[in-house]
PDB file of N, CA and C in Angstrom:
ATOM      1  N   MET A   1     -16.772 -17.813   3.587  1.00  0.00           N
ATOM      2  CA  MET A   1     -16.000 -16.849   2.838  1.00  0.00           C
ATOM      3  C   MET A   1     -16.430 -15.421   3.177  1.00  0.00           C
ATOM      4  N   HIS A   2     -17.734 -15.194   3.304  1.00  0.00           N
ATOM      5  CA  HIS A   2     -18.224 -13.853   3.633  1.00  0.00           C
ATOM      6  C   HIS A   2     -17.686 -13.402   4.990  1.00  0.00           C
ATOM      7  N   PHE A   3     -17.629 -14.326   5.959  1.00  0.00           N
ATOM      8  CA  PHE A   3     -17.108 -14.004   7.282  1.00  0.00           C
ATOM      9  C   PHE A   3     -15.670 -13.504   7.203  1.00  0.00           C
ATOM     10  N   MET A   4     -14.842 -14.180   6.422  1.00  0.00           N
ATOM     11  CA  MET A   4     -13.441 -13.783   6.306  1.00  0.00           C
ATOM     12  C   MET A   4     -13.305 -12.411   5.660  1.00  0.00           C
ATOM     13  N   LYS A   5     -14.168 -12.089   4.716  1.00  0.00           N
ATOM     14  CA  LYS A   5     -14.111 -10.787   4.063  1.00  0.00           C
ATOM     15  C   LYS A   5     -14.307  -9.669   5.082  1.00  0.00           C
ATOM     16  N   LEU A   6     -15.115  -9.903   6.101  1.00  0.00           N
ATOM     17  CA  LEU A   6     -15.347  -8.901   7.133  1.00  0.00           C
ATOM     18  C   LEU A   6     -14.083  -8.599   7.931  1.00  0.00           C
ATOM     19  N   LEU A   7     -13.190  -9.564   8.017  1.00  0.00           N
ATOM     20  CA  LEU A   7     -11.997  -9.402   8.837  1.00  0.00           C
ATOM     21  C   LEU A   7     -10.875  -8.667   8.132  1.00  0.00           C
ATOM     22  N   TYR A   8     -10.801  -8.812   6.833  1.00  0.00           N
ATOM     23  CA  TYR A   8      -9.668  -8.246   6.109  1.00  0.00           C
ATOM     24  C   TYR A   8      -9.756  -6.736   6.009  1.00  0.00           C
ATOM     25  N   ALA A   9      -8.618  -6.100   6.167  1.00  0.00           N
ATOM     26  CA  ALA A   9      -8.537  -4.655   5.985  1.00  0.00           C
ATOM     27  C   ALA A   9      -8.679  -4.329   4.502  1.00  0.00           C
ATOM     28  N   ASN A  10      -9.045  -3.081   4.219  1.00  0.00           N
ATOM     29  CA  ASN A  10      -9.163  -2.649   2.831  1.00  0.00           C
ATOM     30  C   ASN A  10      -7.799  -2.471   2.179  1.00  0.00           C
ATOM     31  N   TYR A  11      -6.822  -2.026   2.972  1.00  0.00           N
ATOM     32  CA  TYR A  11      -5.482  -1.766   2.445  1.00  0.00           C
ATOM     33  C   TYR A  11      -4.437  -2.278   3.420  1.00  0.00           C
ATOM     34  N   PHE A  12      -3.295  -2.659   2.866  1.00  0.00           N
ATOM     35  CA  PHE A  12      -2.158  -3.102   3.667  1.00  0.00           C
ATOM     36  C   PHE A  12      -0.948  -2.276   3.265  1.00  0.00           C
ATOM     37  N   LEU A  13      -0.217  -1.775   4.240  1.00  0.00           N
ATOM     38  CA  LEU A  13       1.089  -1.171   3.972  1.00  0.00           C
ATOM     39  C   LEU A  13       2.114  -2.231   4.313  1.00  0.00           C
ATOM     40  N   ARG A  14       3.013  -2.482   3.389  1.00  0.00           N
ATOM     41  CA  ARG A  14       3.963  -3.575   3.561  1.00  0.00           C
ATOM     42  C   ARG A  14       5.388  -3.061   3.451  1.00  0.00           C
ATOM     43  N   ASN A  15       6.264  -3.579   4.304  1.00  0.00           N
ATOM     44  CA  ASN A  15       7.688  -3.310   4.215  1.00  0.00           C
ATOM     45  C   ASN A  15       8.242  -4.211   3.118  1.00  0.00           C
ATOM     46  N   MET A  16       8.668  -3.616   2.026  1.00  0.00           N
ATOM     47  CA  MET A  16       9.116  -4.405   0.875  1.00  0.00           C
ATOM     48  C   MET A  16      10.413  -5.162   1.153  1.00  0.00           C
ATOM     49  N   ASP A  17      11.220  -4.679   2.102  1.00  0.00           N
ATOM     50  CA  ASP A  17      12.467  -5.373   2.430  1.00  0.00           C
ATOM     51  C   ASP A  17      12.213  -6.673   3.193  1.00  0.00           C
ATOM     52  N   SER A  18      11.264  -6.629   4.109  1.00  0.00           N
ATOM     53  CA  SER A  18      11.001  -7.815   4.925  1.00  0.00           C
ATOM     54  C   SER A  18       9.728  -8.549   4.501  1.00  0.00           C
ATOM     55  N   ASP A  19       8.962  -7.956   3.589  1.00  0.00           N
ATOM     56  CA  ASP A  19       7.683  -8.512   3.145  1.00  0.00           C
ATOM     57  C   ASP A  19       6.721  -8.677   4.320  1.00  0.00           C
ATOM     58  N   LYS A  20       6.891  -7.813   5.320  1.00  0.00           N
ATOM     59  CA  LYS A  20       6.069  -7.865   6.523  1.00  0.00           C
ATOM     60  C   LYS A  20       4.993  -6.778   6.459  1.00  0.00           C
ATOM     61  N   ALA A  21       3.779  -7.113   6.898  1.00  0.00           N
ATOM     62  CA  ALA A  21       2.707  -6.114   6.961  1.00  0.00           C
ATOM     63  C   ALA A  21       3.056  -5.090   8.037  1.00  0.00           C
ATOM     64  N   GLU A  22       3.115  -3.826   7.660  1.00  0.00           N
ATOM     65  CA  GLU A  22       3.441  -2.760   8.604  1.00  0.00           C
ATOM     66  C   GLU A  22       2.189  -2.133   9.202  1.00  0.00           C
ATOM     67  N   CYS A  23       1.132  -2.050   8.398  1.00  0.00           N
ATOM     68  CA  CYS A  23      -0.088  -1.405   8.862  1.00  0.00           C
ATOM     69  C   CYS A  23      -1.266  -1.932   8.048  1.00  0.00           C
ATOM     70  N   GLN A  24      -2.373  -2.145   8.715  1.00  0.00           N
ATOM     71  CA  GLN A  24      -3.597  -2.534   8.021  1.00  0.00           C
ATOM     72  C   GLN A  24      -4.588  -1.388   8.164  1.00  0.00           C
ATOM     73  N   ILE A  25      -5.234  -1.045   7.067  1.00  0.00           N
ATOM     74  CA  ILE A  25      -6.114   0.119   7.039  1.00  0.00           C
ATOM     75  C   ILE A  25      -7.528  -0.315   6.666  1.00  0.00           C
ATOM     76  N   PHE A  26      -8.466   0.046   7.514  1.00  0.00           N
ATOM     77  CA  PHE A  26      -9.881  -0.183   7.241  1.00  0.00           C
ATOM     78  C   PHE A  26     -10.486   1.150   6.813  1.00  0.00           C
ATOM     79  N   VAL A  27     -11.307   1.141   5.770  1.00  0.00           N
ATOM     80  CA  VAL A  27     -11.950   2.360   5.279  1.00  0.00           C
ATOM     81  C   VAL A  27     -13.451   2.211   5.469  1.00  0.00           C
ATOM     82  N   LYS A  28     -14.045   3.218   6.094  1.00  0.00           N
ATOM     83  CA  LYS A  28     -15.482   3.217   6.343  1.00  0.00           C
ATOM     84  C   LYS A  28     -16.104   4.422   5.651  1.00  0.00           C
ATOM     85  N   GLY A  29     -17.121   4.168   4.860  1.00  0.00           N
ATOM     86  CA  GLY A  29     -17.817   5.227   4.136  1.00  0.00           C
ATOM     87  C   GLY A  29     -18.810   5.945   5.035  1.00  0.00           C
ATOM     88  N   PRO A  30     -19.433   6.979   4.498  1.00  0.00           N
ATOM     89  CA  PRO A  30     -20.418   7.740   5.274  1.00  0.00           C
ATOM     90  C   PRO A  30     -21.524   6.829   5.820  1.00  0.00           C
ATOM     91  N   GLY A  31     -21.763   6.925   7.103  1.00  0.00           N
ATOM     92  CA  GLY A  31     -22.800   6.128   7.743  1.00  0.00           C
ATOM     93  C   GLY A  31     -22.386   4.709   8.075  1.00  0.00           C
ATOM     94  N   ASP A  32     -21.188   4.301   7.687  1.00  0.00           N
ATOM     95  CA  ASP A  32     -20.709   2.947   7.946  1.00  0.00           C
ATOM     96  C   ASP A  32     -19.933   2.933   9.256  1.00  0.00           C
ATOM     97  N   THR A  33     -20.046   1.862   9.992  1.00  0.00           N
ATOM     98  CA  THR A  33     -19.319   1.728  11.252  1.00  0.00           C
ATOM     99  C   THR A  33     -18.605   0.382  11.284  1.00  0.00           C
ATOM    100  N   LEU A  34     -17.685   0.250  12.208  1.00  0.00           N
ATOM    101  CA  LEU A  34     -17.000  -1.027  12.401  1.00  0.00           C
ATOM    102  C   LEU A  34     -17.957  -2.023  13.041  1.00  0.00           C
ATOM    103  N   SER A  35     -17.949  -3.235  12.534  1.00  0.00           N
ATOM    104  CA  SER A  35     -18.747  -4.295  13.156  1.00  0.00           C
ATOM    105  C   SER A  35     -18.026  -4.759  14.423  1.00  0.00           C
ATOM    106  N   GLU A  36     -18.747  -5.461  15.267  1.00  0.00           N
ATOM    107  CA  GLU A  36     -18.124  -6.003  16.476  1.00  0.00           C
ATOM    108  C   GLU A  36     -17.005  -6.971  16.105  1.00  0.00           C
ATOM    109  N   THR A  37     -17.181  -7.725  15.027  1.00  0.00           N
ATOM    110  CA  THR A  37     -16.146  -8.653  14.560  1.00  0.00           C
ATOM    111  C   THR A  37     -14.902  -7.894  14.127  1.00  0.00           C
ATOM    112  N   GLN A  38     -15.081  -6.796  13.407  1.00  0.00           N
ATOM    113  CA  GLN A  38     -13.937  -5.993  12.976  1.00  0.00           C
ATOM    114  C   GLN A  38     -13.220  -5.382  14.172  1.00  0.00           C
ATOM    115  N   LYS A  39     -13.970  -4.922  15.161  1.00  0.00           N
ATOM    116  CA  LYS A  39     -13.356  -4.360  16.371  1.00  0.00           C
ATOM    117  C   LYS A  39     -12.498  -5.410  17.074  1.00  0.00           C
ATOM    118  N   LEU A  40     -13.023  -6.617  17.170  1.00  0.00           N
ATOM    119  CA  LEU A  40     -12.270  -7.712  17.791  1.00  0.00           C
ATOM    120  C   LEU A  40     -11.008  -8.018  16.993  1.00  0.00           C
ATOM    121  N   TRP A  41     -11.121  -8.049  15.676  1.00  0.00           N
ATOM    122  CA  TRP A  41      -9.979  -8.319  14.800  1.00  0.00           C
ATOM    123  C   TRP A  41      -8.930  -7.221  14.946  1.00  0.00           C
ATOM    124  N   ILE A  42      -9.353  -5.974  15.003  1.00  0.00           N
ATOM    125  CA  ILE A  42      -8.424  -4.852  15.173  1.00  0.00           C
ATOM    126  C   ILE A  42      -7.689  -4.984  16.501  1.00  0.00           C
ATOM    127  N   ASP A  43      -8.417  -5.310  17.568  1.00  0.00           N
ATOM    128  CA  ASP A  43      -7.777  -5.512  18.875  1.00  0.00           C
ATOM    129  C   ASP A  43      -6.775  -6.663  18.825  1.00  0.00           C
ATOM    130  N   THR A  44      -7.123  -7.729  18.117  1.00  0.00           N
ATOM    131  CA  THR A  44      -6.225  -8.882  17.991  1.00  0.00           C
ATOM    132  C   THR A  44      -4.957  -8.505  17.242  1.00  0.00           C
ATOM    133  N   LEU A  45      -5.109  -7.796  16.126  1.00  0.00           N
ATOM    134  CA  LEU A  45      -3.937  -7.357  15.360  1.00  0.00           C
ATOM    135  C   LEU A  45      -3.037  -6.459  16.205  1.00  0.00           C
ATOM    136  N   ALA A  46      -3.645  -5.510  16.901  1.00  0.00           N
ATOM    137  CA  ALA A  46      -2.868  -4.588  17.735  1.00  0.00           C
ATOM    138  C   ALA A  46      -2.146  -5.331  18.859  1.00  0.00           C
ATOM    139  N   SER A  47      -2.772  -6.375  19.390  1.00  0.00           N
ATOM    140  CA  SER A  47      -2.154  -7.109  20.502  1.00  0.00           C
ATOM    141  C   SER A  47      -0.898  -7.866  20.086  1.00  0.00           C
ATOM    142  N   VAL A  48      -0.749  -8.132  18.780  1.00  0.00           N
ATOM    143  CA  VAL A  48       0.466  -8.799  18.302  1.00  0.00           C
ATOM    144  C   VAL A  48       1.404  -7.812  17.601  1.00  0.00           C
ATOM    145  N   GLY A  49       1.151  -6.517  17.807  1.00  0.00           N
ATOM    146  CA  GLY A  49       2.079  -5.497  17.329  1.00  0.00           C
ATOM    147  C   GLY A  49       1.863  -4.998  15.916  1.00  0.00           C
ATOM    148  N   ILE A  50       0.720  -5.316  15.317  1.00  0.00           N
ATOM    149  CA  ILE A  50       0.442  -4.815  13.974  1.00  0.00           C
ATOM    150  C   ILE A  50      -0.343  -3.514  14.082  1.00  0.00           C
ATOM    151  N   GLN A  51       0.162  -2.474  13.460  1.00  0.00           N
ATOM    152  CA  GLN A  51      -0.505  -1.177  13.484  1.00  0.00           C
ATOM    153  C   GLN A  51      -1.771  -1.243  12.636  1.00  0.00           C
ATOM    154  N   VAL A  52      -2.846  -0.674  13.160  1.00  0.00           N
ATOM    155  CA  VAL A  52      -4.127  -0.645  12.455  1.00  0.00           C
ATOM    156  C   VAL A  52      -4.653   0.784  12.461  1.00  0.00           C
ATOM    157  N   GLU A  53      -5.147   1.224  11.322  1.00  0.00           N
ATOM    158  CA  GLU A  53      -5.769   2.539  11.202  1.00  0.00           C
ATOM    159  C   GLU A  53      -7.167   2.362  10.628  1.00  0.00           C
ATOM    160  N   VAL A  54      -8.088   3.214  11.059  1.00  0.00           N
ATOM    161  CA  VAL A  54      -9.430   3.241  10.485  1.00  0.00           C
ATOM    162  C   VAL A  54      -9.642   4.635   9.911  1.00  0.00           C
ATOM    163  N   CYS A  55      -9.976   4.692   8.630  1.00  0.00           N
ATOM    164  CA  CYS A  55     -10.233   5.965   7.952  1.00  0.00           C
ATOM    165  C   CYS A  55     -11.727   6.094   7.723  1.00  0.00           C
ATOM    166  N   PHE A  56     -12.297   7.185   8.200  1.00  0.00           N
ATOM    167  CA  PHE A  56     -13.716   7.447   8.002  1.00  0.00           C
ATOM    168  C   PHE A  56     -13.869   8.482   6.898  1.00  0.00           C
ATOM    169  N   VAL A  57     -14.526   8.097   5.809  1.00  0.00           N
ATOM    170  CA  VAL A  57     -14.722   8.970   4.652  1.00  0.00           C
ATOM    171  C   VAL A  57     -15.958   9.828   4.892  1.00  0.00           C
ATOM    172  N   LYS A  58     -15.826  11.126   4.613  1.00  0.00           N
ATOM    173  CA  LYS A  58     -16.963  12.040   4.726  1.00  0.00           C
ATOM    174  C   LYS A  58     -17.233  12.658   3.366  1.00  0.00           C
ATOM    175  N   LEU A  59     -18.499  12.911   3.092  1.00  0.00           N
ATOM    176  CA  LEU A  59     -18.865  13.564   1.840  1.00  0.00           C
ATOM    177  C   LEU A  59     -18.584  15.055   1.943  1.00  0.00           C
ATOM    178  N   TRP A  60     -17.970  15.588   0.920  1.00  0.00           N
ATOM    179  CA  TRP A  60     -17.554  16.985   0.907  1.00  0.00           C
ATOM    180  C   TRP A  60     -18.543  17.804   0.093  1.00  0.00           C
ATOM    181  N   LYS A  61     -19.130  18.815   0.720  1.00  0.00           N
ATOM    182  CA  LYS A  61     -20.065  19.695   0.030  1.00  0.00           C
ATOM    183  C   LYS A  61     -19.312  20.837  -0.628  1.00  0.00           C
ATOM    184  N   GLY A  62     -18.170  21.186  -0.069  1.00  0.00           N
ATOM    185  CA  GLY A  62     -17.363  22.283  -0.601  1.00  0.00           C
ATOM    186  C   GLY A  62     -17.273  23.414   0.399  1.00  0.00           C
ATOM    187  N   GLU A  63     -16.229  24.221   0.250  1.00  0.00           N
ATOM    188  CA  GLU A  63     -16.044  25.391   1.116  1.00  0.00           C
ATOM    189  C   GLU A  63     -16.157  25.052   2.601  1.00  0.00           C
ATOM    190  N   ASP A  64     -15.382  24.097   3.041  1.00  0.00           N
ATOM    191  CA  ASP A  64     -15.306  23.736   4.461  1.00  0.00           C
ATOM    192  C   ASP A  64     -16.626  23.244   5.051  1.00  0.00           C
ATOM    193  N   VAL A  65     -17.503  22.706   4.224  1.00  0.00           N
ATOM    194  CA  VAL A  65     -18.781  22.200   4.716  1.00  0.00           C
ATOM    195  C   VAL A  65     -18.906  20.724   4.329  1.00  0.00           C
ATOM    196  N   PHE A  66     -19.150  19.891   5.319  1.00  0.00           N
ATOM    197  CA  PHE A  66     -19.379  18.473   5.064  1.00  0.00           C
ATOM    198  C   PHE A  66     -20.876  18.216   4.990  1.00  0.00           C
ATOM    199  N   LEU A  67     -21.270  17.304   4.112  1.00  0.00           N
ATOM    200  CA  LEU A  67     -22.661  16.873   4.065  1.00  0.00           C
ATOM    201  C   LEU A  67     -22.951  16.026   5.293  1.00  0.00           C
ATOM    202  N   GLU A  68     -24.130  16.137   5.830  1.00  0.00           N
ATOM    203  CA  GLU A  68     -24.510  15.309   6.976  1.00  0.00           C
ATOM    204  C   GLU A  68     -24.751  13.888   6.495  1.00  0.00           C
ATOM    205  N   THR A  69     -24.333  12.916   7.305  1.00  0.00           N
ATOM    206  CA  THR A  69     -24.564  11.518   6.928  1.00  0.00           C
ATOM    207  C   THR A  69     -25.469  10.860   7.929  1.00  0.00           C
TER     208      THR A  69
END
């Protein structure tokens, strides 16, 4: 079960008319990176035409300054 959790995206955008997944979104927090398994899964999804996005979250210090992670 833990292995499967690594593969699933954090968010899915779905076409409500066709009930088809339009985009899968992975979110990575500060200092977090994609695992090799996630990279392989992303490549697999893309190879069958599913759009994948990875969002990297950064800590905001304010006034156009990001905290170092």
